[in-house]
Amino acid sequence: EAMKEIELDLEEGADIVMVKPAGPCLDLIRRAKERFGSPLGAYQVSGEYAMIKAAAERGMLDESRAMWESVTAIRRAGADIILTYFAPTIAEQL
């Protein structure tokens, strides 16, 4: 169903397709990129951000490594643009 929605959006003239939430939809991002080839954005929603922050605060993972792994996975799946609450931190570290 998601692929049909993307197809309809593009037929209606969309310049870019946005997929959210990014993390749970990595397979959809990959399929959309392969099938349509159009610019694709992915939104790492606040819940994804909050899960990483909460786990890091509890010592369950390294926040920086988890942040980078999550955005790298989104990019590898095919996203051309990533919207994330980690953007300020990523910008500082680049």
PDB file of N, CA and C in Angstrom:
ATOM      1  N   GLU A   1       0.824  -1.199   0.000  1.00  0.00           N
ATOM      2  CA  GLU A   1       0.000   0.000   0.000  1.00  0.00           C
ATOM      3  C   GLU A   1       0.866   1.260   0.000  1.00  0.00           C
ATOM      4  N   ALA A   2       1.960   1.242   0.752  1.00  0.00           N
ATOM      5  CA  ALA A   2       2.840   2.411   0.797  1.00  0.00           C
ATOM      6  C   ALA A   2       3.430   2.708  -0.574  1.00  0.00           C
ATOM      7  N   MET A   3       3.785   1.665  -1.309  1.00  0.00           N
ATOM      8  CA  MET A   3       4.353   1.867  -2.638  1.00  0.00           C
ATOM      9  C   MET A   3       3.335   2.501  -3.586  1.00  0.00           C
ATOM     10  N   LYS A   4       2.087   2.105  -3.453  1.00  0.00           N
ATOM     11  CA  LYS A   4       1.038   2.699  -4.281  1.00  0.00           C
ATOM     12  C   LYS A   4       0.866   4.180  -3.943  1.00  0.00           C
ATOM     13  N   GLU A   5       0.914   4.521  -2.660  1.00  0.00           N
ATOM     14  CA  GLU A   5       0.803   5.924  -2.242  1.00  0.00           C
ATOM     15  C   GLU A   5       1.953   6.755  -2.804  1.00  0.00           C
ATOM     16  N   ILE A   6       3.150   6.193  -2.766  1.00  0.00           N
ATOM     17  CA  ILE A   6       4.306   6.893  -3.322  1.00  0.00           C
ATOM     18  C   ILE A   6       4.126   7.112  -4.817  1.00  0.00           C
ATOM     19  N   GLU A   7       3.683   6.071  -5.499  1.00  0.00           N
ATOM     20  CA  GLU A   7       3.448   6.177  -6.935  1.00  0.00           C
ATOM     21  C   GLU A   7       2.430   7.265  -7.253  1.00  0.00           C
ATOM     22  N   LEU A   8       1.342   7.310  -6.495  1.00  0.00           N
ATOM     23  CA  LEU A   8       0.318   8.340  -6.712  1.00  0.00           C
ATOM     24  C   LEU A   8       0.869   9.732  -6.451  1.00  0.00           C
ATOM     25  N   ASP A   9       1.648   9.873  -5.388  1.00  0.00           N
ATOM     26  CA  ASP A   9       2.251  11.179  -5.086  1.00  0.00           C
ATOM     27  C   ASP A   9       3.129  11.651  -6.236  1.00  0.00           C
ATOM     28  N   LEU A  10       3.938  10.762  -6.768  1.00  0.00           N
ATOM     29  CA  LEU A  10       4.819  11.124  -7.877  1.00  0.00           C
ATOM     30  C   LEU A  10       4.023  11.445  -9.139  1.00  0.00           C
ATOM     31  N   GLU A  11       2.952  10.695  -9.382  1.00  0.00           N
ATOM     32  CA  GLU A  11       2.101  10.980 -10.542  1.00  0.00           C
ATOM     33  C   GLU A  11       1.443  12.346 -10.424  1.00  0.00           C
ATOM     34  N   GLU A  12       1.192  12.767  -9.178  1.00  0.00           N
ATOM     35  CA  GLU A  12       0.572  14.075  -8.945  1.00  0.00           C
ATOM     36  C   GLU A  12       1.596  15.202  -8.976  1.00  0.00           C
ATOM     37  N   GLY A  13       2.855  14.868  -9.201  1.00  0.00           N
ATOM     38  CA  GLY A  13       3.877  15.890  -9.372  1.00  0.00           C
ATOM     39  C   GLY A  13       4.810  16.129  -8.197  1.00  0.00           C
ATOM     40  N   ALA A  14       4.808  15.254  -7.228  1.00  0.00           N
ATOM     41  CA  ALA A  14       5.706  15.431  -6.079  1.00  0.00           C
ATOM     42  C   ALA A  14       7.159  15.446  -6.553  1.00  0.00           C
ATOM     43  N   ASP A  15       7.933  16.372  -6.009  1.00  0.00           N
ATOM     44  CA  ASP A  15       9.357  16.464  -6.340  1.00  0.00           C
ATOM     45  C   ASP A  15      10.202  15.554  -5.469  1.00  0.00           C
ATOM     46  N   ILE A  16       9.683  15.217  -4.307  1.00  0.00           N
ATOM     47  CA  ILE A  16      10.404  14.384  -3.349  1.00  0.00           C
ATOM     48  C   ILE A  16       9.383  13.558  -2.577  1.00  0.00           C
ATOM     49  N   VAL A  17       9.816  12.396  -2.168  1.00  0.00           N
ATOM     50  CA  VAL A  17       8.970  11.520  -1.359  1.00  0.00           C
ATOM     51  C   VAL A  17       9.580  11.464   0.038  1.00  0.00           C
ATOM     52  N   MET A  18       8.737  11.566   1.077  1.00  0.00           N
ATOM     53  CA  MET A  18       9.202  11.511   2.462  1.00  0.00           C
ATOM     54  C   MET A  18       8.639  10.264   3.125  1.00  0.00           C
ATOM     55  N   VAL A  19       9.527   9.505   3.772  1.00  0.00           N
ATOM     56  CA  VAL A  19       9.128   8.294   4.481  1.00  0.00           C
ATOM     57  C   VAL A  19       9.359   8.518   5.966  1.00  0.00           C
ATOM     58  N   LYS A  20       8.356   8.172   6.775  1.00  0.00           N
ATOM     59  CA  LYS A  20       8.504   8.250   8.228  1.00  0.00           C
ATOM     60  C   LYS A  20       7.646   7.185   8.878  1.00  0.00           C
ATOM     61  N   PRO A  21       8.060   6.635   9.968  1.00  0.00           N
ATOM     62  CA  PRO A  21       9.342   6.793  10.645  1.00  0.00           C
ATOM     63  C   PRO A  21      10.444   6.071   9.868  1.00  0.00           C
ATOM     64  N   ALA A  22      11.622   6.642   9.859  1.00  0.00           N
ATOM     65  CA  ALA A  22      12.698   6.125   9.016  1.00  0.00           C
ATOM     66  C   ALA A  22      13.186   4.745   9.456  1.00  0.00           C
ATOM     67  N   GLY A  23      13.506   4.593  10.724  1.00  0.00           N
ATOM     68  CA  GLY A  23      14.101   3.344  11.208  1.00  0.00           C
ATOM     69  C   GLY A  23      13.287   2.099  10.907  1.00  0.00           C
ATOM     70  N   PRO A  24      12.022   2.081  11.288  1.00  0.00           N
ATOM     71  CA  PRO A  24      11.209   0.887  11.022  1.00  0.00           C
ATOM     72  C   PRO A  24      10.861   0.690   9.543  1.00  0.00           C
ATOM     73  N   CYS A  25      11.140   1.690   8.715  1.00  0.00           N
ATOM     74  CA  CYS A  25      10.758   1.618   7.300  1.00  0.00           C
ATOM     75  C   CYS A  25      11.959   1.548   6.361  1.00  0.00           C
ATOM     76  N   LEU A  26      13.083   1.045   6.834  1.00  0.00           N
ATOM     77  CA  LEU A  26      14.269   0.956   5.985  1.00  0.00           C
ATOM     78  C   LEU A  26      14.003   0.127   4.737  1.00  0.00           C
ATOM     79  N   ASP A  27      13.217  -0.924   4.862  1.00  0.00           N
ATOM     80  CA  ASP A  27      12.896  -1.750   3.697  1.00  0.00           C
ATOM     81  C   ASP A  27      12.069  -0.975   2.679  1.00  0.00           C
ATOM     82  N   LEU A  28      11.150  -0.154   3.151  1.00  0.00           N
ATOM     83  CA  LEU A  28      10.328   0.662   2.269  1.00  0.00           C
ATOM     84  C   LEU A  28      11.180   1.725   1.569  1.00  0.00           C
ATOM     85  N   ILE A  29      12.103   2.320   2.311  1.00  0.00           N
ATOM     86  CA  ILE A  29      13.003   3.312   1.717  1.00  0.00           C
ATOM     87  C   ILE A  29      13.782   2.670   0.571  1.00  0.00           C
ATOM     88  N   ARG A  30      14.334   1.491   0.804  1.00  0.00           N
ATOM     89  CA  ARG A  30      15.108   0.785  -0.226  1.00  0.00           C
ATOM     90  C   ARG A  30      14.244   0.464  -1.440  1.00  0.00           C
ATOM     91  N   ARG A  31      13.052  -0.092  -1.198  1.00  0.00           N
ATOM     92  CA  ARG A  31      12.181  -0.463  -2.323  1.00  0.00           C
ATOM     93  C   ARG A  31      11.745   0.758  -3.125  1.00  0.00           C
ATOM     94  N   ALA A  32      11.414   1.853  -2.429  1.00  0.00           N
ATOM     95  CA  ALA A  32      10.981   3.074  -3.115  1.00  0.00           C
ATOM     96  C   ALA A  32      12.116   3.651  -3.960  1.00  0.00           C
ATOM     97  N   LYS A  33      13.316   3.649  -3.415  1.00  0.00           N
ATOM     98  CA  LYS A  33      14.456   4.184  -4.156  1.00  0.00           C
ATOM     99  C   LYS A  33      14.721   3.341  -5.401  1.00  0.00           C
ATOM    100  N   GLU A  34      14.686   2.030  -5.254  1.00  0.00           N
ATOM    101  CA  GLU A  34      14.940   1.142  -6.386  1.00  0.00           C
ATOM    102  C   GLU A  34      13.844   1.236  -7.450  1.00  0.00           C
ATOM    103  N   ARG A  35      12.607   1.337  -7.004  1.00  0.00           N
ATOM    104  CA  ARG A  35      11.488   1.325  -7.948  1.00  0.00           C
ATOM    105  C   ARG A  35      11.284   2.655  -8.660  1.00  0.00           C
ATOM    106  N   PHE A  36      11.392   3.764  -7.910  1.00  0.00           N
ATOM    107  CA  PHE A  36      11.048   5.059  -8.481  1.00  0.00           C
ATOM    108  C   PHE A  36      12.261   5.928  -8.801  1.00  0.00           C
ATOM    109  N   GLY A  37      13.330   5.796  -8.041  1.00  0.00           N
ATOM    110  CA  GLY A  37      14.534   6.578  -8.294  1.00  0.00           C
ATOM    111  C   GLY A  37      14.412   8.069  -8.016  1.00  0.00           C
ATOM    112  N   SER A  38      13.286   8.507  -7.531  1.00  0.00           N
ATOM    113  CA  SER A  38      13.089   9.931  -7.258  1.00  0.00           C
ATOM    114  C   SER A  38      13.799  10.318  -5.956  1.00  0.00           C
ATOM    115  N   PRO A  39      14.031  11.616  -5.750  1.00  0.00           N
ATOM    116  CA  PRO A  39      14.625  12.039  -4.481  1.00  0.00           C
ATOM    117  C   PRO A  39      13.777  11.546  -3.311  1.00  0.00           C
ATOM    118  N   LEU A  40      14.451  11.025  -2.307  1.00  0.00           N
ATOM    119  CA  LEU A  40      13.750  10.399  -1.196  1.00  0.00           C
ATOM    120  C   LEU A  40      14.256  10.947   0.131  1.00  0.00           C
ATOM    121  N   GLY A  41      13.336  11.429   0.937  1.00  0.00           N
ATOM    122  CA  GLY A  41      13.668  11.913   2.270  1.00  0.00           C
ATOM    123  C   GLY A  41      13.191  10.913   3.314  1.00  0.00           C
ATOM    124  N   ALA A  42      13.875  10.898   4.445  1.00  0.00           N
ATOM    125  CA  ALA A  42      13.490  10.021   5.544  1.00  0.00           C
ATOM    126  C   ALA A  42      13.492  10.841   6.826  1.00  0.00           C
ATOM    127  N   TYR A  43      12.445  10.706   7.603  1.00  0.00           N
ATOM    128  CA  TYR A  43      12.295  11.461   8.842  1.00  0.00           C
ATOM    129  C   TYR A  43      12.479  10.511  10.015  1.00  0.00           C
ATOM    130  N   GLN A  44      13.569  10.720  10.750  1.00  0.00           N
ATOM    131  CA  GLN A  44      13.808   9.958  11.974  1.00  0.00           C
ATOM    132  C   GLN A  44      12.993  10.665  13.059  1.00  0.00           C
ATOM    133  N   VAL A  45      11.847  10.124  13.371  1.00  0.00           N
ATOM    134  CA  VAL A  45      10.868  10.789  14.224  1.00  0.00           C
ATOM    135  C   VAL A  45      11.362  10.902  15.675  1.00  0.00           C
ATOM    136  N   SER A  46      10.653  11.712  16.440  1.00  0.00           N
ATOM    137  CA  SER A  46      11.063  11.996  17.819  1.00  0.00           C
ATOM    138  C   SER A  46      11.155  10.735  18.675  1.00  0.00           C
ATOM    139  N   GLY A  47      10.313   9.755  18.421  1.00  0.00           N
ATOM    140  CA  GLY A  47      10.362   8.522  19.196  1.00  0.00           C
ATOM    141  C   GLY A  47      11.651   7.744  18.977  1.00  0.00           C
ATOM    142  N   GLU A  48      12.145   7.755  17.753  1.00  0.00           N
ATOM    143  CA  GLU A  48      13.415   7.085  17.458  1.00  0.00           C
ATOM    144  C   GLU A  48      14.557   7.790  18.183  1.00  0.00           C
ATOM    145  N   TYR A  49      14.526   9.111  18.148  1.00  0.00           N
ATOM    146  CA  TYR A  49      15.512   9.933  18.849  1.00  0.00           C
ATOM    147  C   TYR A  49      15.441   9.675  20.356  1.00  0.00           C
ATOM    148  N   ALA A  50      14.236   9.680  20.889  1.00  0.00           N
ATOM    149  CA  ALA A  50      14.041   9.491  22.332  1.00  0.00           C
ATOM    150  C   ALA A  50      14.509   8.114  22.793  1.00  0.00           C
ATOM    151  N   MET A  51      14.306   7.086  21.985  1.00  0.00           N
ATOM    152  CA  MET A  51      14.763   5.742  22.368  1.00  0.00           C
ATOM    153  C   MET A  51      16.280   5.696  22.512  1.00  0.00           C
ATOM    154  N   ILE A  52      16.979   6.317  21.579  1.00  0.00           N
ATOM    155  CA  ILE A  52      18.441   6.323  21.656  1.00  0.00           C
ATOM    156  C   ILE A  52      18.901   7.129  22.866  1.00  0.00           C
ATOM    157  N   LYS A  53      18.303   8.298  23.076  1.00  0.00           N
ATOM    158  CA  LYS A  53      18.673   9.141  24.222  1.00  0.00           C
ATOM    159  C   LYS A  53      18.419   8.408  25.538  1.00  0.00           C
ATOM    160  N   ALA A  54      17.259   7.784  25.671  1.00  0.00           N
ATOM    161  CA  ALA A  54      16.900   7.095  26.918  1.00  0.00           C
ATOM    162  C   ALA A  54      17.835   5.920  27.183  1.00  0.00           C
ATOM    163  N   ALA A  55      18.131   5.147  26.161  1.00  0.00           N
ATOM    164  CA  ALA A  55      19.032   4.003  26.336  1.00  0.00           C
ATOM    165  C   ALA A  55      20.435   4.470  26.718  1.00  0.00           C
ATOM    166  N   ALA A  56      20.873   5.565  26.121  1.00  0.00           N
ATOM    167  CA  ALA A  56      22.199   6.104  26.446  1.00  0.00           C
ATOM    168  C   ALA A  56      22.245   6.621  27.880  1.00  0.00           C
ATOM    169  N   GLU A  57      21.190   7.294  28.300  1.00  0.00           N
ATOM    170  CA  GLU A  57      21.129   7.815  29.673  1.00  0.00           C
ATOM    171  C   GLU A  57      21.185   6.687  30.699  1.00  0.00           C
ATOM    172  N   ARG A  58      20.709   5.506  30.332  1.00  0.00           N
ATOM    173  CA  ARG A  58      20.697   4.356  31.235  1.00  0.00           C
ATOM    174  C   ARG A  58      21.941   3.475  31.075  1.00  0.00           C
ATOM    175  N   GLY A  59      22.884   3.946  30.257  1.00  0.00           N
ATOM    176  CA  GLY A  59      24.126   3.210  30.070  1.00  0.00           C
ATOM    177  C   GLY A  59      23.993   1.964  29.217  1.00  0.00           C
ATOM    178  N   MET A  60      22.920   1.878  28.462  1.00  0.00           N
ATOM    179  CA  MET A  60      22.670   0.684  27.666  1.00  0.00           C
ATOM    180  C   MET A  60      23.387   0.709  26.317  1.00  0.00           C
ATOM    181  N   LEU A  61      23.789   1.886  25.864  1.00  0.00           N
ATOM    182  CA  LEU A  61      24.507   2.003  24.603  1.00  0.00           C
ATOM    183  C   LEU A  61      25.271   3.316  24.563  1.00  0.00           C
ATOM    184  N   ASP A  62      26.170   3.405  23.626  1.00  0.00           N
ATOM    185  CA  ASP A  62      26.924   4.631  23.399  1.00  0.00           C
ATOM    186  C   ASP A  62      26.103   5.521  22.471  1.00  0.00           C
ATOM    187  N   GLU A  63      25.707   6.689  22.956  1.00  0.00           N
ATOM    188  CA  GLU A  63      24.801   7.550  22.191  1.00  0.00           C
ATOM    189  C   GLU A  63      25.371   7.937  20.836  1.00  0.00           C
ATOM    190  N   SER A  64      26.614   8.346  20.789  1.00  0.00           N
ATOM    191  CA  SER A  64      27.204   8.779  19.525  1.00  0.00           C
ATOM    192  C   SER A  64      27.247   7.630  18.510  1.00  0.00           C
ATOM    193  N   ARG A  65      27.669   6.469  18.946  1.00  0.00           N
ATOM    194  CA  ARG A  65      27.734   5.325  18.030  1.00  0.00           C
ATOM    195  C   ARG A  65      26.351   4.922  17.541  1.00  0.00           C
ATOM    196  N   ALA A  66      25.366   4.933  18.432  1.00  0.00           N
ATOM    197  CA  ALA A  66      23.996   4.575  18.039  1.00  0.00           C
ATOM    198  C   ALA A  66      23.412   5.612  17.087  1.00  0.00           C
ATOM    199  N   MET A  67      23.690   6.889  17.354  1.00  0.00           N
ATOM    200  CA  MET A  67      23.217   7.960  16.480  1.00  0.00           C
ATOM    201  C   MET A  67      23.770   7.764  15.074  1.00  0.00           C
ATOM    202  N   TRP A  68      25.092   7.585  14.993  1.00  0.00           N
ATOM    203  CA  TRP A  68      25.727   7.425  13.687  1.00  0.00           C
ATOM    204  C   TRP A  68      25.261   6.159  12.982  1.00  0.00           C
ATOM    205  N   GLU A  69      25.100   5.091  13.712  1.00  0.00           N
ATOM    206  CA  GLU A  69      24.626   3.847  13.093  1.00  0.00           C
ATOM    207  C   GLU A  69      23.215   4.018  12.543  1.00  0.00           C
ATOM    208  N   SER A  70      22.363   4.710  13.281  1.00  0.00           N
ATOM    209  CA  SER A  70      20.981   4.879  12.824  1.00  0.00           C
ATOM    210  C   SER A  70      20.907   5.727  11.556  1.00  0.00           C
ATOM    211  N   VAL A  71      21.623   6.834  11.506  1.00  0.00           N
ATOM    212  CA  VAL A  71      21.560   7.669  10.292  1.00  0.00           C
ATOM    213  C   VAL A  71      22.300   7.019   9.123  1.00  0.00           C
ATOM    214  N   THR A  72      23.352   6.263   9.423  1.00  0.00           N
ATOM    215  CA  THR A  72      24.066   5.539   8.363  1.00  0.00           C
ATOM    216  C   THR A  72      23.161   4.483   7.744  1.00  0.00           C
ATOM    217  N   ALA A  73      22.399   3.784   8.560  1.00  0.00           N
ATOM    218  CA  ALA A  73      21.470   2.769   8.049  1.00  0.00           C
ATOM    219  C   ALA A  73      20.405   3.399   7.159  1.00  0.00           C
ATOM    220  N   ILE A  74      19.923   4.571   7.561  1.00  0.00           N
ATOM    221  CA  ILE A  74      18.912   5.267   6.760  1.00  0.00           C
ATOM    222  C   ILE A  74      19.502   5.670   5.412  1.00  0.00           C
ATOM    223  N   ARG A  75      20.711   6.178   5.433  1.00  0.00           N
ATOM    224  CA  ARG A  75      21.385   6.575   4.190  1.00  0.00           C
ATOM    225  C   ARG A  75      21.658   5.362   3.299  1.00  0.00           C
ATOM    226  N   ARG A  76      22.143   4.282   3.908  1.00  0.00           N
ATOM    227  CA  ARG A  76      22.413   3.055   3.138  1.00  0.00           C
ATOM    228  C   ARG A  76      21.148   2.509   2.489  1.00  0.00           C
ATOM    229  N   ALA A  77      20.016   2.684   3.157  1.00  0.00           N
ATOM    230  CA  ALA A  77      18.748   2.204   2.605  1.00  0.00           C
ATOM    231  C   ALA A  77      18.347   2.972   1.353  1.00  0.00           C
ATOM    232  N   GLY A  78      18.875   4.203   1.204  1.00  0.00           N
ATOM    233  CA  GLY A  78      18.591   4.954  -0.016  1.00  0.00           C
ATOM    234  C   GLY A  78      18.104   6.372   0.179  1.00  0.00           C
ATOM    235  N   ALA A  79      18.018   6.839   1.405  1.00  0.00           N
ATOM    236  CA  ALA A  79      17.540   8.204   1.633  1.00  0.00           C
ATOM    237  C   ALA A  79      18.556   9.220   1.120  1.00  0.00           C
ATOM    238  N   ASP A  80      18.055  10.208   0.404  1.00  0.00           N
ATOM    239  CA  ASP A  80      18.896  11.303  -0.070  1.00  0.00           C
ATOM    240  C   ASP A  80      18.967  12.424   0.959  1.00  0.00           C
ATOM    241  N   ILE A  81      17.903  12.558   1.727  1.00  0.00           N
ATOM    242  CA  ILE A  81      17.789  13.595   2.755  1.00  0.00           C
ATOM    243  C   ILE A  81      17.324  12.914   4.035  1.00  0.00           C
ATOM    244  N   ILE A  82      17.955  13.264   5.153  1.00  0.00           N
ATOM    245  CA  ILE A  82      17.542  12.707   6.441  1.00  0.00           C
ATOM    246  C   ILE A  82      17.196  13.852   7.378  1.00  0.00           C
ATOM    247  N   LEU A  83      15.974  13.844   7.864  1.00  0.00           N
ATOM    248  CA  LEU A  83      15.556  14.803   8.880  1.00  0.00           C
ATOM    249  C   LEU A  83      15.633  14.091  10.224  1.00  0.00           C
ATOM    250  N   THR A  84      16.392  14.663  11.158  1.00  0.00           N
ATOM    251  CA  THR A  84      16.594  14.030  12.447  1.00  0.00           C
ATOM    252  C   THR A  84      16.804  15.075  13.531  1.00  0.00           C
ATOM    253  N   TYR A  85      16.392  14.741  14.733  1.00  0.00           N
ATOM    254  CA  TYR A  85      16.635  15.609  15.876  1.00  0.00           C
ATOM    255  C   TYR A  85      18.110  15.596  16.269  1.00  0.00           C
ATOM    256  N   PHE A  86      18.866  14.677  15.719  1.00  0.00           N
ATOM    257  CA  PHE A  86      20.307  14.632  15.959  1.00  0.00           C
ATOM    258  C   PHE A  86      21.072  15.598  15.054  1.00  0.00           C
ATOM    259  N   ALA A  87      20.411  16.322  14.191  1.00  0.00           N
ATOM    260  CA  ALA A  87      21.085  17.184  13.218  1.00  0.00           C
ATOM    261  C   ALA A  87      22.116  18.135  13.854  1.00  0.00           C
ATOM    262  N   PRO A  88      21.793  18.837  14.958  1.00  0.00           N
ATOM    263  CA  PRO A  88      22.807  19.722  15.540  1.00  0.00           C
ATOM    264  C   PRO A  88      24.063  18.967  15.996  1.00  0.00           C
ATOM    265  N   THR A  89      23.868  17.805  16.588  1.00  0.00           N
ATOM    266  CA  THR A  89      25.008  16.998  17.046  1.00  0.00           C
ATOM    267  C   THR A  89      25.821  16.497  15.859  1.00  0.00           C
ATOM    268  N   ILE A  90      25.149  16.037  14.832  1.00  0.00           N
ATOM    269  CA  ILE A  90      25.840  15.553  13.638  1.00  0.00           C
ATOM    270  C   ILE A  90      26.634  16.694  13.003  1.00  0.00           C
ATOM    271  N   ALA A  91      26.022  17.867  12.908  1.00  0.00           N
ATOM    272  CA  ALA A  91      26.707  19.020  12.318  1.00  0.00           C
ATOM    273  C   ALA A  91      27.974  19.376  13.103  1.00  0.00           C
ATOM    274  N   GLU A  92      27.909  19.281  14.417  1.00  0.00           N
ATOM    275  CA  GLU A  92      29.084  19.566  15.246  1.00  0.00           C
ATOM    276  C   GLU A  92      30.195  18.551  15.016  1.00  0.00           C
ATOM    277  N   GLN A  93      29.827  17.303  14.783  1.00  0.00           N
ATOM    278  CA  GLN A  93      30.813  16.236  14.670  1.00  0.00           C
ATOM    279  C   GLN A  93      31.392  16.078  13.261  1.00  0.00           C
ATOM    280  N   LEU A  94      30.761  16.700  12.286  1.00  0.00           N
ATOM    281  CA  LEU A  94      31.276  16.561  10.909  1.00  0.00           C
ATOM    282  C   LEU A  94      32.507  17.403  10.680  1.00  0.00           C
TER     283      LEU A  94
END
